[in-house]
Each structure stands twice: as structure tokens, then as C-alpha cells.
Amino acid sequence: MKKQKVEEEEKIYSDTHVPELGCKPQWDVDSYDGREYESDPEDRKLFSDDEEYEKYRRERRRAFDSKGFIYEPLSGNYPIKDLEALVYPNVTSRELMTDLANLCVKKLNETEKKTVELVEIVRVIVLGGGTRKAYITFMAPESLNGPLIEYQAKVVTYAKNLKPPVPILCRPSPIPSI
């Protein structure tokens, strides 16, 4: 399988970074940790059919259990459906997401003395407006010639790239408990 990489000399982030206004996310701290799934009773009003409502609740629960890495209906997050679409001149969504995920992989390898190497982007979910979180699922071996394992990377990006992206976490995808 061909490895995806973005050339290091190709810079897509602004050189004029503005100072951080809020607190920077902590590395390897997941905002979902410690949270419990709660069903919103107001959502029931959106459905005239009990079966459709139960299907919606199952999808929401599954998305919540994925900690943001699976699309959640009615949440404001959205999947990037066309990874080959251009987001900048000569830069596709896949290349941008590979670059962002590689920031997380680099941080993981540095902090945990690992040798994870991104091979292929599987899917991407984006949440937010001016400050966005990208939830990137990708395949990577944990060692040279090792089997491919599904990994997750979460990174914060800022509108107009006026601030550098901030890696939040990088980990093997948890096994669903269903």
C-alpha cells in the first residue's frame, strides 16, 4: 500500500500566527473522557415515528461511543465526503488531513517513543467553525512491516490558518463495545 505524505517544503499554514487567545488543548487529553451519554428529550419531537427515533438514538449513541470519530446526526459535525477535493491551490483534503494527522503521529512518536507511520486516511469528521476539530481515522503499522491498525488523531485548526494547528491526541481506535 502506498504511503501518503505531504511534502515538508510545501507550507499551507500562515507565517503570521496570532497569539493564542484561549487555553491550548492538552496533549493526550480527550474531551470525551469522563462524559456520559445523555439522550435529549427535545430530540424526540423531531420524529413522528418511534422506529425512526430509536434508529436515531442508536446512531447517536454509536457516534458518542466513538468519541467523535463517527458522524453524529444533528450534531453540527460533518464528514468530509470527498478527500480528493481541493481545499487550497494544489492541496487536496486528503493531503491536508494527512498533514494534520502526521502532526499527531509525530507527537505520539516523540512522547511515547513509538514508530507509528501513517499509511492511509480512512475518514474524517470536522466539528466547529472558526476553531475546528478534525477527527481523523487512519491506518498505520505500529512497527516496520507490522500489520495495519486503525488509528485516530484529533487536531485543532483555526480559520484562515492564522494560528498553527494543535495536535490533541493519537491512539489506536478503541474496539467498539457492542
N, C-alpha and C. Protein backbone atom coordinates (compact mmCIF):
# COMPACT_ATOMS: atom_id res chain seq x y z
N MET A 1 0.84 -1.18 0.00
CA MET A 1 0.00 0.00 0.00
C MET A 1 0.89 1.25 0.00
N LYS A 2 0.58 2.18 -0.84
CA LYS A 2 1.39 3.40 -0.97
C LYS A 2 1.16 4.33 0.22
N LYS A 3 2.23 4.85 0.78
CA LYS A 3 2.12 5.76 1.92
C LYS A 3 1.81 7.16 1.42
N GLN A 4 0.94 7.86 2.15
CA GLN A 4 0.58 9.23 1.79
C GLN A 4 1.45 10.19 2.59
N LYS A 5 1.99 11.16 1.91
CA LYS A 5 2.79 12.17 2.60
C LYS A 5 2.57 13.51 1.93
N VAL A 6 2.70 14.55 2.70
CA VAL A 6 2.66 15.90 2.16
C VAL A 6 4.10 16.39 2.22
N GLU A 7 4.58 16.91 1.13
CA GLU A 7 5.96 17.38 1.08
C GLU A 7 6.20 18.43 2.16
N GLU A 8 7.29 18.27 2.90
CA GLU A 8 7.57 19.17 4.01
C GLU A 8 7.78 20.61 3.57
N GLU A 9 8.35 20.79 2.38
CA GLU A 9 8.62 22.17 1.96
C GLU A 9 7.36 22.91 1.55
N GLU A 10 6.29 22.19 1.29
CA GLU A 10 5.03 22.84 0.92
C GLU A 10 4.32 23.30 2.18
N LYS A 11 4.28 24.60 2.41
CA LYS A 11 3.70 25.14 3.62
C LYS A 11 2.32 25.68 3.34
N ILE A 12 1.32 25.18 4.05
CA ILE A 12 -0.04 25.63 3.81
C ILE A 12 -0.58 26.45 4.97
N TYR A 13 0.22 26.66 6.00
CA TYR A 13 -0.21 27.44 7.14
C TYR A 13 0.40 28.83 7.06
N SER A 14 -0.30 29.80 7.60
CA SER A 14 0.15 31.18 7.56
C SER A 14 1.44 31.35 8.36
N ASP A 15 2.33 32.20 7.87
CA ASP A 15 3.54 32.52 8.62
C ASP A 15 3.28 33.61 9.65
N THR A 16 2.11 34.21 9.62
CA THR A 16 1.78 35.29 10.55
C THR A 16 0.78 34.78 11.58
N HIS A 17 1.28 33.97 12.51
CA HIS A 17 0.41 33.39 13.54
C HIS A 17 0.05 34.46 14.56
N VAL A 18 -1.21 34.49 14.95
CA VAL A 18 -1.65 35.40 16.01
C VAL A 18 -1.51 34.68 17.34
N PRO A 19 -1.34 35.43 18.43
CA PRO A 19 -1.18 34.77 19.73
C PRO A 19 -2.43 33.98 20.12
N GLU A 20 -2.23 32.95 20.92
CA GLU A 20 -3.34 32.14 21.42
C GLU A 20 -4.24 33.02 22.29
N LEU A 21 -5.54 32.94 22.07
CA LEU A 21 -6.49 33.73 22.86
C LEU A 21 -7.03 32.91 24.03
N GLY A 22 -7.20 31.64 23.83
CA GLY A 22 -7.73 30.78 24.90
C GLY A 22 -6.66 29.82 25.35
N CYS A 23 -7.08 28.86 26.18
CA CYS A 23 -6.10 27.88 26.62
C CYS A 23 -5.92 26.83 25.53
N LYS A 24 -4.70 26.40 25.38
CA LYS A 24 -4.33 25.41 24.37
C LYS A 24 -4.78 24.03 24.84
N PRO A 25 -5.32 23.21 23.94
CA PRO A 25 -5.70 21.86 24.35
C PRO A 25 -4.47 21.08 24.84
N GLN A 26 -4.69 20.24 25.83
CA GLN A 26 -3.61 19.42 26.37
C GLN A 26 -3.43 18.18 25.51
N TRP A 27 -2.18 17.79 25.31
CA TRP A 27 -1.90 16.58 24.54
C TRP A 27 -2.40 15.35 25.29
N ASP A 28 -3.01 14.45 24.56
CA ASP A 28 -3.48 13.15 25.03
C ASP A 28 -4.57 13.25 26.10
N VAL A 29 -5.31 14.36 26.08
CA VAL A 29 -6.47 14.52 26.95
C VAL A 29 -7.69 14.63 26.05
N ASP A 30 -8.58 13.66 26.15
CA ASP A 30 -9.77 13.61 25.30
C ASP A 30 -10.94 14.30 25.99
N SER A 31 -11.56 15.24 25.29
CA SER A 31 -12.69 15.98 25.86
C SER A 31 -13.88 15.06 26.15
N TYR A 32 -13.90 13.87 25.59
CA TYR A 32 -14.98 12.92 25.85
C TYR A 32 -14.74 12.13 27.15
N ASP A 33 -13.52 12.10 27.64
CA ASP A 33 -13.23 11.33 28.85
C ASP A 33 -14.07 11.84 30.02
N GLY A 34 -14.68 10.90 30.73
CA GLY A 34 -15.49 11.26 31.89
C GLY A 34 -16.92 11.67 31.56
N ARG A 35 -17.24 11.80 30.29
CA ARG A 35 -18.60 12.19 29.90
C ARG A 35 -19.48 10.96 29.76
N GLU A 36 -20.74 11.12 30.10
CA GLU A 36 -21.73 10.06 29.94
C GLU A 36 -22.69 10.46 28.83
N TYR A 37 -23.13 9.48 28.07
CA TYR A 37 -24.13 9.74 27.03
C TYR A 37 -25.46 10.09 27.68
N GLU A 38 -26.07 11.16 27.19
CA GLU A 38 -27.40 11.55 27.66
C GLU A 38 -28.27 11.82 26.45
N SER A 39 -29.44 11.22 26.45
CA SER A 39 -30.40 11.43 25.37
C SER A 39 -31.17 12.71 25.65
N ASP A 40 -31.29 13.58 24.66
CA ASP A 40 -32.02 14.84 24.82
C ASP A 40 -33.49 14.60 24.53
N PRO A 41 -34.38 14.80 25.52
CA PRO A 41 -35.81 14.57 25.29
C PRO A 41 -36.39 15.47 24.19
N GLU A 42 -35.77 16.60 23.94
CA GLU A 42 -36.25 17.51 22.90
C GLU A 42 -36.11 16.89 21.51
N ASP A 43 -35.12 16.01 21.35
CA ASP A 43 -34.91 15.36 20.05
C ASP A 43 -36.11 14.51 19.65
N ARG A 44 -36.83 13.97 20.61
CA ARG A 44 -37.98 13.11 20.31
C ARG A 44 -39.01 13.85 19.46
N LYS A 45 -39.13 15.15 19.68
CA LYS A 45 -40.12 15.97 18.96
C LYS A 45 -39.82 16.05 17.46
N LEU A 46 -38.60 15.73 17.07
CA LEU A 46 -38.22 15.81 15.66
C LEU A 46 -38.69 14.60 14.85
N PHE A 47 -39.20 13.58 15.51
CA PHE A 47 -39.58 12.34 14.84
C PHE A 47 -41.04 12.00 15.09
N SER A 48 -41.74 11.66 14.02
CA SER A 48 -43.15 11.24 14.16
C SER A 48 -43.25 9.73 14.33
N ASP A 49 -42.18 9.03 14.03
CA ASP A 49 -42.18 7.57 14.05
C ASP A 49 -41.23 7.06 15.14
N ASP A 50 -41.73 6.17 16.01
CA ASP A 50 -40.91 5.63 17.10
C ASP A 50 -39.70 4.85 16.59
N GLU A 51 -39.88 4.11 15.51
CA GLU A 51 -38.79 3.31 14.96
C GLU A 51 -37.65 4.21 14.45
N GLU A 52 -38.02 5.29 13.76
CA GLU A 52 -37.00 6.23 13.26
C GLU A 52 -36.27 6.90 14.43
N TYR A 53 -37.01 7.25 15.47
CA TYR A 53 -36.41 7.87 16.64
C TYR A 53 -35.42 6.91 17.31
N GLU A 54 -35.79 5.65 17.45
CA GLU A 54 -34.90 4.66 18.07
C GLU A 54 -33.65 4.45 17.22
N LYS A 55 -33.81 4.45 15.90
CA LYS A 55 -32.66 4.34 15.00
C LYS A 55 -31.72 5.54 15.19
N TYR A 56 -32.30 6.73 15.27
CA TYR A 56 -31.53 7.95 15.51
C TYR A 56 -30.76 7.84 16.83
N ARG A 57 -31.42 7.39 17.89
CA ARG A 57 -30.77 7.27 19.20
C ARG A 57 -29.62 6.27 19.16
N ARG A 58 -29.80 5.16 18.44
CA ARG A 58 -28.72 4.17 18.32
C ARG A 58 -27.51 4.78 17.59
N GLU A 59 -27.80 5.53 16.50
CA GLU A 59 -26.71 6.18 15.74
C GLU A 59 -26.00 7.20 16.60
N ARG A 60 -26.76 7.97 17.37
CA ARG A 60 -26.15 8.97 18.26
C ARG A 60 -25.29 8.32 19.32
N ARG A 61 -25.79 7.24 19.89
CA ARG A 61 -25.03 6.53 20.93
C ARG A 61 -23.74 5.96 20.35
N ARG A 62 -23.84 5.37 19.17
CA ARG A 62 -22.66 4.81 18.49
C ARG A 62 -21.63 5.91 18.23
N ALA A 63 -22.09 7.07 17.75
CA ALA A 63 -21.20 8.19 17.49
C ALA A 63 -20.57 8.69 18.78
N PHE A 64 -21.36 8.80 19.84
CA PHE A 64 -20.82 9.25 21.13
C PHE A 64 -19.76 8.28 21.63
N ASP A 65 -20.06 6.98 21.54
CA ASP A 65 -19.10 5.97 22.00
C ASP A 65 -17.80 6.00 21.19
N SER A 66 -17.86 6.49 19.95
CA SER A 66 -16.65 6.61 19.12
C SER A 66 -15.81 7.83 19.51
N LYS A 67 -16.32 8.64 20.41
CA LYS A 67 -15.66 9.86 20.89
C LYS A 67 -15.40 10.86 19.77
N GLY A 68 -16.38 10.96 18.86
CA GLY A 68 -16.31 11.97 17.80
C GLY A 68 -15.82 11.47 16.46
N PHE A 69 -15.37 10.22 16.39
CA PHE A 69 -14.76 9.73 15.16
C PHE A 69 -15.75 9.10 14.19
N ILE A 70 -17.02 9.05 14.56
CA ILE A 70 -18.09 8.61 13.66
C ILE A 70 -19.12 9.73 13.61
N TYR A 71 -19.66 9.99 12.42
CA TYR A 71 -20.63 11.07 12.24
C TYR A 71 -21.80 10.92 13.21
N GLU A 72 -22.15 12.03 13.86
CA GLU A 72 -23.28 12.07 14.79
C GLU A 72 -24.40 12.90 14.20
N PRO A 73 -25.58 12.30 13.98
CA PRO A 73 -26.69 13.05 13.39
C PRO A 73 -27.09 14.26 14.25
N LEU A 74 -27.47 15.34 13.59
CA LEU A 74 -27.95 16.57 14.24
C LEU A 74 -26.95 17.18 15.22
N SER A 75 -25.67 17.03 14.97
CA SER A 75 -24.66 17.48 15.93
C SER A 75 -23.91 18.73 15.53
N GLY A 76 -23.93 19.08 14.26
CA GLY A 76 -23.12 20.20 13.80
C GLY A 76 -21.78 19.75 13.26
N ASN A 77 -21.44 18.47 13.42
CA ASN A 77 -20.21 17.98 12.80
C ASN A 77 -20.55 17.40 11.44
N TYR A 78 -19.55 17.28 10.61
CA TYR A 78 -19.83 16.77 9.27
C TYR A 78 -18.64 15.96 8.75
N PRO A 79 -18.96 14.90 8.01
CA PRO A 79 -17.88 14.12 7.42
C PRO A 79 -17.36 14.80 6.16
N ILE A 80 -16.08 14.68 5.90
CA ILE A 80 -15.53 15.14 4.63
C ILE A 80 -15.73 13.98 3.66
N LYS A 81 -16.63 14.17 2.72
CA LYS A 81 -17.01 13.08 1.81
C LYS A 81 -16.05 12.92 0.65
N ASP A 82 -15.47 14.01 0.17
CA ASP A 82 -14.57 13.93 -0.99
C ASP A 82 -13.17 14.35 -0.56
N LEU A 83 -12.36 13.39 -0.21
CA LEU A 83 -11.00 13.68 0.23
C LEU A 83 -10.09 14.14 -0.91
N GLU A 84 -10.55 13.99 -2.15
CA GLU A 84 -9.75 14.41 -3.30
C GLU A 84 -10.07 15.85 -3.73
N ALA A 85 -11.05 16.48 -3.09
CA ALA A 85 -11.40 17.87 -3.43
C ALA A 85 -10.28 18.81 -2.98
N LEU A 86 -10.08 19.87 -3.75
CA LEU A 86 -9.06 20.86 -3.41
C LEU A 86 -9.55 21.76 -2.29
N VAL A 87 -8.70 21.98 -1.28
CA VAL A 87 -9.01 22.93 -0.21
C VAL A 87 -8.14 24.17 -0.31
N TYR A 88 -7.01 24.04 -0.95
CA TYR A 88 -6.10 25.13 -1.28
C TYR A 88 -5.60 24.84 -2.69
N PRO A 89 -5.03 25.83 -3.37
CA PRO A 89 -4.47 25.52 -4.69
C PRO A 89 -3.46 24.38 -4.58
N ASN A 90 -3.68 23.33 -5.34
CA ASN A 90 -2.79 22.16 -5.39
C ASN A 90 -2.72 21.35 -4.09
N VAL A 91 -3.68 21.52 -3.18
CA VAL A 91 -3.72 20.73 -1.94
C VAL A 91 -5.12 20.15 -1.77
N THR A 92 -5.20 18.82 -1.73
CA THR A 92 -6.49 18.16 -1.55
C THR A 92 -6.82 18.02 -0.06
N SER A 93 -8.08 17.72 0.22
CA SER A 93 -8.49 17.44 1.60
C SER A 93 -7.66 16.29 2.17
N ARG A 94 -7.42 15.26 1.36
CA ARG A 94 -6.63 14.12 1.82
C ARG A 94 -5.22 14.55 2.22
N GLU A 95 -4.58 15.40 1.40
CA GLU A 95 -3.23 15.87 1.71
C GLU A 95 -3.23 16.71 2.98
N LEU A 96 -4.22 17.60 3.12
CA LEU A 96 -4.32 18.43 4.32
C LEU A 96 -4.52 17.57 5.55
N MET A 97 -5.45 16.62 5.48
CA MET A 97 -5.73 15.76 6.63
C MET A 97 -4.55 14.84 6.94
N THR A 98 -3.82 14.41 5.92
CA THR A 98 -2.60 13.62 6.14
C THR A 98 -1.58 14.46 6.89
N ASP A 99 -1.43 15.71 6.49
CA ASP A 99 -0.50 16.63 7.15
C ASP A 99 -0.90 16.82 8.62
N LEU A 100 -2.19 17.05 8.86
CA LEU A 100 -2.67 17.27 10.22
C LEU A 100 -2.52 16.00 11.07
N ALA A 101 -2.87 14.86 10.51
CA ALA A 101 -2.72 13.60 11.26
C ALA A 101 -1.25 13.33 11.55
N ASN A 102 -0.37 13.66 10.60
CA ASN A 102 1.07 13.45 10.82
C ASN A 102 1.61 14.30 11.97
N LEU A 103 1.00 15.47 12.22
CA LEU A 103 1.39 16.26 13.40
C LEU A 103 1.14 15.45 14.67
N CYS A 104 -0.01 14.78 14.71
CA CYS A 104 -0.37 13.96 15.87
C CYS A 104 0.52 12.73 15.97
N VAL A 105 0.79 12.10 14.83
CA VAL A 105 1.66 10.91 14.81
C VAL A 105 3.06 11.29 15.31
N LYS A 106 3.58 12.41 14.84
CA LYS A 106 4.90 12.87 15.26
C LYS A 106 4.94 13.09 16.77
N LYS A 107 3.90 13.74 17.30
CA LYS A 107 3.83 13.99 18.74
C LYS A 107 3.75 12.66 19.51
N LEU A 108 2.93 11.72 19.03
CA LEU A 108 2.83 10.40 19.66
C LEU A 108 4.19 9.70 19.67
N ASN A 109 4.86 9.69 18.53
CA ASN A 109 6.15 9.02 18.42
C ASN A 109 7.20 9.66 19.33
N GLU A 110 7.16 10.99 19.45
CA GLU A 110 8.12 11.69 20.32
C GLU A 110 7.84 11.43 21.79
N THR A 111 6.57 11.49 22.19
CA THR A 111 6.24 11.38 23.62
C THR A 111 6.25 9.95 24.12
N GLU A 112 5.92 8.99 23.25
CA GLU A 112 5.83 7.59 23.70
C GLU A 112 6.89 6.69 23.08
N LYS A 113 7.87 7.30 22.39
CA LYS A 113 8.97 6.54 21.78
C LYS A 113 8.44 5.41 20.90
N LYS A 114 7.48 5.73 20.04
CA LYS A 114 6.90 4.75 19.11
C LYS A 114 7.41 5.02 17.70
N THR A 115 7.03 4.16 16.77
CA THR A 115 7.42 4.32 15.36
C THR A 115 6.20 4.19 14.45
N VAL A 116 5.08 4.74 14.88
CA VAL A 116 3.85 4.71 14.08
C VAL A 116 4.07 5.54 12.83
N GLU A 117 3.58 5.06 11.68
CA GLU A 117 3.70 5.80 10.43
C GLU A 117 2.39 5.73 9.67
N LEU A 118 1.78 6.87 9.43
CA LEU A 118 0.51 6.94 8.72
C LEU A 118 0.65 6.37 7.32
N VAL A 119 -0.30 5.49 6.93
CA VAL A 119 -0.29 4.90 5.60
C VAL A 119 -1.46 5.42 4.77
N GLU A 120 -2.66 5.46 5.36
CA GLU A 120 -3.83 5.86 4.57
C GLU A 120 -4.90 6.48 5.46
N ILE A 121 -5.46 7.60 5.00
CA ILE A 121 -6.60 8.22 5.67
C ILE A 121 -7.84 7.39 5.34
N VAL A 122 -8.64 7.06 6.37
CA VAL A 122 -9.85 6.28 6.18
C VAL A 122 -11.08 7.19 6.11
N ARG A 123 -11.23 8.06 7.11
CA ARG A 123 -12.36 9.00 7.12
C ARG A 123 -12.00 10.18 8.01
N VAL A 124 -12.77 11.27 7.82
CA VAL A 124 -12.54 12.50 8.58
C VAL A 124 -13.89 13.09 8.96
N ILE A 125 -14.00 13.50 10.22
CA ILE A 125 -15.16 14.23 10.72
C ILE A 125 -14.63 15.58 11.20
N VAL A 126 -15.32 16.67 10.86
CA VAL A 126 -14.90 18.01 11.27
C VAL A 126 -16.02 18.63 12.09
N LEU A 127 -15.65 19.30 13.18
CA LEU A 127 -16.61 19.96 14.05
C LEU A 127 -16.15 21.38 14.29
N GLY A 128 -17.07 22.34 14.14
CA GLY A 128 -16.75 23.71 14.50
C GLY A 128 -16.74 24.67 13.34
N GLY A 129 -16.47 25.93 13.65
CA GLY A 129 -16.45 26.99 12.66
C GLY A 129 -15.07 27.61 12.58
N GLY A 130 -14.85 28.74 13.29
CA GLY A 130 -13.57 29.43 13.27
C GLY A 130 -12.45 28.61 13.89
N THR A 131 -12.78 27.93 14.97
CA THR A 131 -11.88 26.96 15.58
C THR A 131 -12.50 25.60 15.33
N ARG A 132 -11.78 24.75 14.63
CA ARG A 132 -12.33 23.45 14.24
C ARG A 132 -11.53 22.31 14.85
N LYS A 133 -12.24 21.21 15.11
CA LYS A 133 -11.56 19.97 15.50
C LYS A 133 -11.73 19.00 14.35
N ALA A 134 -10.64 18.42 13.92
CA ALA A 134 -10.68 17.37 12.90
C ALA A 134 -10.44 16.04 13.60
N TYR A 135 -11.37 15.12 13.39
CA TYR A 135 -11.30 13.76 13.92
C TYR A 135 -10.91 12.88 12.74
N ILE A 136 -9.66 12.45 12.70
CA ILE A 136 -9.11 11.75 11.53
C ILE A 136 -8.85 10.29 11.88
N THR A 137 -9.46 9.40 11.11
CA THR A 137 -9.23 7.97 11.29
C THR A 137 -8.30 7.53 10.16
N PHE A 138 -7.25 6.79 10.51
CA PHE A 138 -6.27 6.38 9.51
C PHE A 138 -5.71 5.00 9.84
N MET A 139 -5.04 4.42 8.87
CA MET A 139 -4.39 3.12 9.04
C MET A 139 -2.89 3.35 9.19
N ALA A 140 -2.28 2.57 10.09
CA ALA A 140 -0.84 2.71 10.34
C ALA A 140 -0.30 1.43 10.96
N PRO A 141 0.93 1.04 10.60
CA PRO A 141 1.57 -0.05 11.34
C PRO A 141 2.24 0.54 12.58
N GLU A 142 2.29 -0.24 13.65
CA GLU A 142 2.95 0.23 14.87
C GLU A 142 4.45 -0.05 14.84
N SER A 143 4.87 -0.88 13.88
CA SER A 143 6.29 -1.17 13.72
C SER A 143 6.57 -1.43 12.25
N LEU A 144 7.83 -1.38 11.88
CA LEU A 144 8.23 -1.61 10.49
C LEU A 144 7.71 -2.98 10.04
N ASN A 145 6.99 -3.01 8.93
CA ASN A 145 6.41 -4.23 8.37
C ASN A 145 5.35 -4.87 9.26
N GLY A 146 4.87 -4.15 10.28
CA GLY A 146 3.82 -4.68 11.14
C GLY A 146 2.47 -4.58 10.45
N PRO A 147 1.45 -5.24 11.00
CA PRO A 147 0.12 -5.18 10.40
C PRO A 147 -0.48 -3.78 10.54
N LEU A 148 -1.35 -3.43 9.60
CA LEU A 148 -2.02 -2.13 9.68
C LEU A 148 -3.06 -2.17 10.80
N ILE A 149 -3.08 -1.10 11.57
CA ILE A 149 -4.02 -0.94 12.68
C ILE A 149 -4.76 0.36 12.46
N GLU A 150 -6.04 0.38 12.80
CA GLU A 150 -6.80 1.63 12.68
C GLU A 150 -6.43 2.54 13.85
N TYR A 151 -6.08 3.78 13.50
CA TYR A 151 -5.70 4.79 14.48
C TYR A 151 -6.63 5.98 14.39
N GLN A 152 -6.63 6.78 15.46
CA GLN A 152 -7.39 8.03 15.49
C GLN A 152 -6.45 9.17 15.85
N ALA A 153 -6.65 10.30 15.17
CA ALA A 153 -5.92 11.53 15.50
C ALA A 153 -6.94 12.65 15.63
N LYS A 154 -6.75 13.49 16.63
CA LYS A 154 -7.62 14.66 16.79
C LYS A 154 -6.72 15.88 16.83
N VAL A 155 -7.09 16.91 16.06
CA VAL A 155 -6.27 18.11 15.96
C VAL A 155 -7.18 19.33 15.86
N VAL A 156 -6.76 20.43 16.48
CA VAL A 156 -7.49 21.70 16.39
C VAL A 156 -6.85 22.53 15.30
N THR A 157 -7.70 23.11 14.44
CA THR A 157 -7.21 24.04 13.41
C THR A 157 -7.98 25.35 13.56
N TYR A 158 -7.43 26.41 13.00
CA TYR A 158 -8.01 27.74 13.13
C TYR A 158 -8.30 28.34 11.77
N ALA A 159 -9.37 29.13 11.70
CA ALA A 159 -9.78 29.77 10.44
C ALA A 159 -8.62 30.58 9.87
N LYS A 160 -8.52 30.53 8.56
CA LYS A 160 -7.51 31.27 7.80
C LYS A 160 -6.08 30.88 8.18
N ASN A 161 -5.92 29.82 8.96
CA ASN A 161 -4.60 29.32 9.36
C ASN A 161 -3.74 30.39 10.01
N LEU A 162 -4.38 31.29 10.76
CA LEU A 162 -3.62 32.34 11.43
C LEU A 162 -2.90 31.84 12.68
N LYS A 163 -3.29 30.68 13.16
CA LYS A 163 -2.60 30.03 14.27
C LYS A 163 -2.21 28.64 13.80
N PRO A 164 -1.13 28.12 14.31
CA PRO A 164 -0.74 26.77 13.89
C PRO A 164 -1.72 25.74 14.44
N PRO A 165 -1.89 24.63 13.74
CA PRO A 165 -2.75 23.57 14.26
C PRO A 165 -2.15 22.98 15.54
N VAL A 166 -3.02 22.47 16.41
CA VAL A 166 -2.57 21.91 17.68
C VAL A 166 -2.98 20.44 17.75
N PRO A 167 -2.00 19.52 17.80
CA PRO A 167 -2.35 18.11 17.94
C PRO A 167 -2.92 17.85 19.34
N ILE A 168 -4.02 17.08 19.40
CA ILE A 168 -4.65 16.78 20.69
C ILE A 168 -4.38 15.34 21.11
N LEU A 169 -4.57 14.40 20.18
CA LEU A 169 -4.31 13.01 20.55
C LEU A 169 -4.05 12.16 19.33
N CYS A 170 -3.47 11.01 19.58
CA CYS A 170 -3.23 10.00 18.55
C CYS A 170 -3.20 8.67 19.28
N ARG A 171 -4.06 7.73 18.85
CA ARG A 171 -4.18 6.46 19.55
C ARG A 171 -4.76 5.40 18.63
N PRO A 172 -4.56 4.13 18.97
CA PRO A 172 -5.28 3.09 18.23
C PRO A 172 -6.78 3.27 18.47
N SER A 173 -7.58 3.00 17.46
CA SER A 173 -9.03 3.10 17.62
C SER A 173 -9.49 2.09 18.66
N PRO A 174 -10.36 2.53 19.58
CA PRO A 174 -10.87 1.56 20.55
C PRO A 174 -11.77 0.53 19.87
N ILE A 175 -11.82 -0.65 20.43
CA ILE A 175 -12.70 -1.70 19.93
C ILE A 175 -14.12 -1.37 20.40
N PRO A 176 -15.09 -1.27 19.46
CA PRO A 176 -16.46 -0.95 19.87
C PRO A 176 -17.01 -1.99 20.84
N SER A 177 -17.74 -1.52 21.83
CA SER A 177 -18.33 -2.42 22.83
C SER A 177 -19.82 -2.63 22.54
N ILE A 178 -20.09 -3.44 21.53
CA ILE A 178 -21.49 -3.70 21.17
C ILE A 178 -21.77 -5.18 21.25
